Amino acid sequence: MTRLLLLLLLLLPACTPSLADDDDATADDDDAANDDDATADDDDAANDDDAANDDDVVVECPLADALAIIGTWTDIRACSDAAVSVAQPGDTLRVAMVFQLPNDPGNQVGTTWSLYFDDIDAKDEVAGTFVMEEGSNLSAEACNDVAKPVDVEAVWAPVAGAASLTVTASSPDGYDGTVSLSGVVVEDPGGALCRIPDVSWPGLRLGWYPG
């Protein structure tokens, strides 16, 4: 009897489920081993957003090449308390900022003040403005008390990062300082974003008024 039972068990069809990968190239059949295919986002726990189906749209900065060499821009102007303008040699792209510093900044060598474009509450924060402009003859009114024609085609506003001014020395009728940008991201009216490389401009003479 025992031999007969063993023989019957051996002759019965195998009932063990297959462990093979049953996913093909055209359909998502939700097997445990591989339920992600190359053509659709199938929200599996291991990979529910592959590179081919990422919803994020990355738009490259249209001014990336020009901004990449911002440290070499030669039209650098600083004046009237704490106003700084830095432009390309062709004066078609510039960044400009004004720091509203406390009284007598020239007597506070080593002190740093900052404009923050993120929601940050810091002890060194001061009021001020920051802008990046596209156009032509952009620096005509920078540190100049005579109005000159300026053609501004686009204005970019800061949305992240910081601009800082550190007083480095006292000088006759003013003071010297270093202005630095860190993590600054600007946005144009159409929603395009540009990251300005971190950069510093040392030895700026500030605190004087053009005449």
Protein backbone atom coordinates (compact mmCIF):
# COMPACT_ATOMS: atom_id res chain seq x y z
CA MET A 1 0.00 0.00 0.00
CA THR A 2 2.78 2.38 0.91
CA ARG A 3 4.52 1.74 -2.41
CA LEU A 4 1.30 2.53 -4.30
CA LEU A 5 0.87 5.89 -2.55
CA LEU A 6 4.42 6.90 -3.29
CA LEU A 7 4.00 5.96 -6.92
CA LEU A 8 0.83 8.07 -7.23
CA LEU A 9 2.54 11.10 -5.70
CA LEU A 10 5.39 10.87 -8.16
CA LEU A 11 3.03 10.67 -11.12
CA LEU A 12 0.90 13.72 -10.11
CA PRO A 13 1.56 17.00 -12.08
CA ALA A 14 3.78 19.53 -10.32
CA CYS A 15 1.75 22.22 -8.49
CA THR A 16 4.58 24.52 -7.38
CA PRO A 17 4.08 28.07 -8.85
CA SER A 18 6.77 29.38 -11.20
CA LEU A 19 9.23 31.93 -9.74
CA ALA A 20 10.25 33.17 -13.17
CA ASP A 21 10.00 36.84 -14.17
CA ASP A 22 6.71 37.08 -16.06
CA ASP A 23 7.14 40.75 -17.07
CA ASP A 24 7.35 41.46 -20.77
CA ALA A 25 8.37 44.56 -22.67
CA THR A 26 4.86 45.75 -23.52
CA ALA A 27 2.76 45.23 -20.41
CA ASP A 28 2.98 45.65 -16.68
CA ASP A 29 1.81 42.39 -15.11
CA ASP A 30 2.70 43.28 -11.49
CA ASP A 31 4.85 40.30 -10.63
CA ALA A 32 6.82 40.56 -7.44
CA ALA A 33 10.24 40.32 -9.05
CA ASN A 34 9.97 43.10 -11.60
CA ASP A 35 6.84 45.15 -12.02
CA ASP A 36 8.45 48.15 -13.64
CA ASP A 37 8.69 48.32 -17.41
CA ALA A 38 10.47 50.77 -19.64
CA THR A 39 7.42 52.55 -21.02
CA ALA A 40 5.17 53.36 -18.06
CA ASP A 41 5.24 54.55 -14.46
CA ASP A 42 3.64 51.64 -12.61
CA ASP A 43 4.10 52.90 -9.03
CA ASP A 44 5.85 49.89 -7.59
CA ALA A 45 7.35 50.25 -4.16
CA ALA A 46 10.92 49.88 -5.31
CA ASN A 47 10.82 52.30 -8.22
CA ASP A 48 7.71 54.31 -8.75
CA ASP A 49 9.24 57.11 -10.76
CA ASP A 50 11.96 56.14 -13.18
CA ALA A 51 13.96 58.59 -15.24
CA ALA A 52 11.92 58.00 -18.39
CA ASN A 53 8.69 58.96 -16.70
CA ASP A 54 9.80 61.75 -14.38
CA ASP A 55 7.27 64.57 -14.30
CA ASP A 56 9.88 67.20 -13.39
CA VAL A 57 10.75 69.48 -16.30
CA VAL A 58 14.20 71.04 -16.10
CA VAL A 59 14.65 74.22 -18.14
CA GLU A 60 18.25 75.24 -18.67
CA CYS A 61 19.24 78.80 -17.81
CA PRO A 62 19.44 80.77 -21.08
CA LEU A 63 22.26 82.90 -19.63
CA ALA A 64 24.34 80.05 -18.22
CA ASP A 65 27.38 80.68 -20.43
CA ALA A 66 27.55 84.38 -19.58
CA LEU A 67 27.02 83.82 -15.86
CA ALA A 68 29.63 81.07 -15.73
CA ILE A 69 32.36 83.73 -16.13
CA ILE A 70 30.80 86.40 -13.92
CA GLY A 71 34.07 86.55 -11.98
CA THR A 72 35.75 87.99 -15.07
CA TRP A 73 33.25 90.80 -15.70
CA THR A 74 35.15 94.07 -15.80
CA ASP A 75 32.52 96.81 -15.41
CA ILE A 76 32.47 97.00 -11.60
CA ARG A 77 31.10 100.10 -9.90
CA ALA A 78 30.54 100.84 -6.22
CA CYS A 79 29.43 104.10 -4.67
CA SER A 80 26.73 105.96 -2.73
CA ASP A 81 26.76 104.30 0.65
CA ALA A 82 26.51 100.67 -0.48
CA ALA A 83 25.42 100.47 -4.13
CA VAL A 84 27.23 97.96 -6.34
CA SER A 85 26.85 97.25 -10.07
CA VAL A 86 28.74 94.56 -11.98
CA ALA A 87 28.28 94.14 -15.73
CA GLN A 88 29.68 92.32 -18.72
CA PRO A 89 32.22 94.18 -20.86
CA GLY A 90 29.47 94.67 -23.45
CA ASP A 91 27.13 96.00 -20.73
CA THR A 92 24.25 93.77 -21.91
CA LEU A 93 23.92 91.82 -18.66
CA ARG A 94 24.52 93.05 -15.13
CA VAL A 95 23.75 92.40 -11.49
CA ALA A 96 23.12 95.30 -9.14
CA MET A 97 22.48 95.54 -5.41
CA VAL A 98 22.02 98.14 -2.72
CA PHE A 99 22.56 97.45 0.98
CA GLN A 100 20.83 99.74 3.46
CA LEU A 101 23.50 99.71 6.16
CA PRO A 102 23.36 101.12 9.69
CA ASN A 103 24.97 104.47 10.41
CA ASP A 104 28.76 104.81 10.27
CA PRO A 105 29.57 101.46 8.62
CA GLY A 106 33.13 102.68 8.06
CA ASN A 107 33.70 102.45 11.80
CA GLN A 108 32.74 98.76 11.86
CA VAL A 109 35.60 97.05 10.03
CA GLY A 110 35.08 93.30 9.92
CA THR A 111 31.28 93.52 10.13
CA THR A 112 29.15 91.72 7.53
CA TRP A 113 25.63 92.61 6.43
CA SER A 114 23.51 90.44 4.15
CA LEU A 115 20.47 90.49 1.89
CA TYR A 116 18.66 87.13 2.14
CA PHE A 117 16.36 85.97 -0.65
CA ASP A 118 15.09 82.92 1.26
CA ASP A 119 12.83 83.14 4.29
CA ILE A 120 15.67 83.57 6.77
CA ASP A 121 15.78 85.65 9.93
CA ALA A 122 19.44 86.37 10.69
CA LYS A 123 21.21 88.90 12.88
CA ASP A 124 23.25 90.27 9.97
CA GLU A 125 20.24 90.80 7.71
CA VAL A 126 19.59 94.30 6.35
CA ALA A 127 17.10 95.75 3.91
CA GLY A 128 18.11 96.36 0.32
CA THR A 129 17.55 95.47 -3.31
CA PHE A 130 19.02 93.03 -5.81
CA VAL A 131 18.35 92.69 -9.52
CA MET A 132 19.79 91.11 -12.66
CA GLU A 133 19.06 92.90 -15.93
CA GLU A 134 19.34 92.11 -19.64
CA GLY A 135 19.50 94.88 -22.22
CA SER A 136 22.04 97.44 -23.37
CA ASN A 137 23.97 100.33 -21.81
CA LEU A 138 22.82 98.97 -18.46
CA SER A 139 25.46 100.64 -16.31
CA ALA A 140 24.84 104.16 -17.62
CA GLU A 141 23.17 105.29 -14.40
CA ALA A 142 25.31 103.28 -11.98
CA CYS A 143 27.32 105.63 -9.77
CA ASN A 144 26.44 108.54 -12.01
CA ASP A 145 24.41 111.59 -11.00
CA VAL A 146 23.54 112.43 -14.62
CA ALA A 147 20.67 110.41 -16.10
CA LYS A 148 21.65 108.53 -19.25
CA PRO A 149 19.61 106.30 -21.56
CA VAL A 150 19.33 102.70 -20.40
CA ASP A 151 17.60 99.92 -22.36
CA VAL A 152 16.34 97.19 -20.02
CA GLU A 153 14.81 94.25 -21.88
CA ALA A 154 14.31 91.82 -19.00
CA VAL A 155 14.55 91.98 -15.22
CA TRP A 156 15.39 88.93 -13.12
CA ALA A 157 14.44 88.93 -9.43
CA PRO A 158 16.20 86.91 -6.70
CA VAL A 159 14.32 83.94 -5.25
CA ALA A 160 17.06 82.18 -3.25
CA GLY A 161 20.51 82.70 -1.80
CA ALA A 162 22.16 85.76 -0.31
CA ALA A 163 24.29 88.80 -1.12
CA SER A 164 26.71 89.98 1.59
CA LEU A 165 28.86 93.04 2.20
CA THR A 166 31.82 92.94 4.58
CA VAL A 167 33.55 96.15 5.62
CA THR A 168 37.28 95.52 5.23
CA ALA A 169 38.87 98.94 5.84
CA SER A 170 38.14 102.57 6.51
CA SER A 171 39.12 105.08 3.85
CA PRO A 172 38.83 108.85 3.37
CA ASP A 173 35.25 109.89 2.65
CA GLY A 174 34.09 106.27 2.76
CA TYR A 175 35.20 102.74 3.43
CA ASP A 176 36.36 99.61 1.61
CA GLY A 177 34.36 96.41 1.40
CA THR A 178 33.94 93.00 -0.20
CA VAL A 179 30.63 91.98 -1.78
CA SER A 180 29.85 88.28 -2.20
CA LEU A 181 27.04 86.24 -3.74
CA SER A 182 26.19 82.81 -2.37
CA GLY A 183 23.60 80.43 -3.77
CA VAL A 184 21.76 83.20 -5.60
CA VAL A 185 18.98 82.04 -7.92
CA VAL A 186 17.11 84.58 -10.06
CA GLU A 187 13.85 84.29 -11.98
CA ASP A 188 12.55 86.19 -14.99
CA PRO A 189 8.88 87.17 -15.48
CA GLY A 190 8.34 84.05 -17.59
CA GLY A 191 9.45 81.72 -14.82
CA ALA A 192 12.91 80.80 -16.14
CA LEU A 193 15.52 80.29 -13.41
CA CYS A 194 19.25 80.99 -13.41
CA ARG A 195 21.79 80.13 -10.72
CA ILE A 196 24.47 82.80 -10.39
CA PRO A 197 27.82 81.20 -9.49
CA ASP A 198 29.19 82.10 -6.07
CA VAL A 199 31.53 85.05 -6.52
CA SER A 200 33.20 87.85 -4.55
CA TRP A 201 34.36 91.35 -5.46
CA PRO A 202 36.98 92.55 -2.96
CA GLY A 203 38.43 96.02 -2.50
CA LEU A 204 35.33 98.01 -3.43
CA ARG A 205 35.36 101.64 -2.33
CA LEU A 206 31.98 102.42 -0.84
CA GLY A 207 30.30 105.22 1.06
CA TRP A 208 31.05 108.04 -1.35
CA TYR A 209 28.57 109.95 -3.49
CA PRO A 210 29.05 110.72 -7.19
CA GLY A 211 29.28 114.37 -8.03
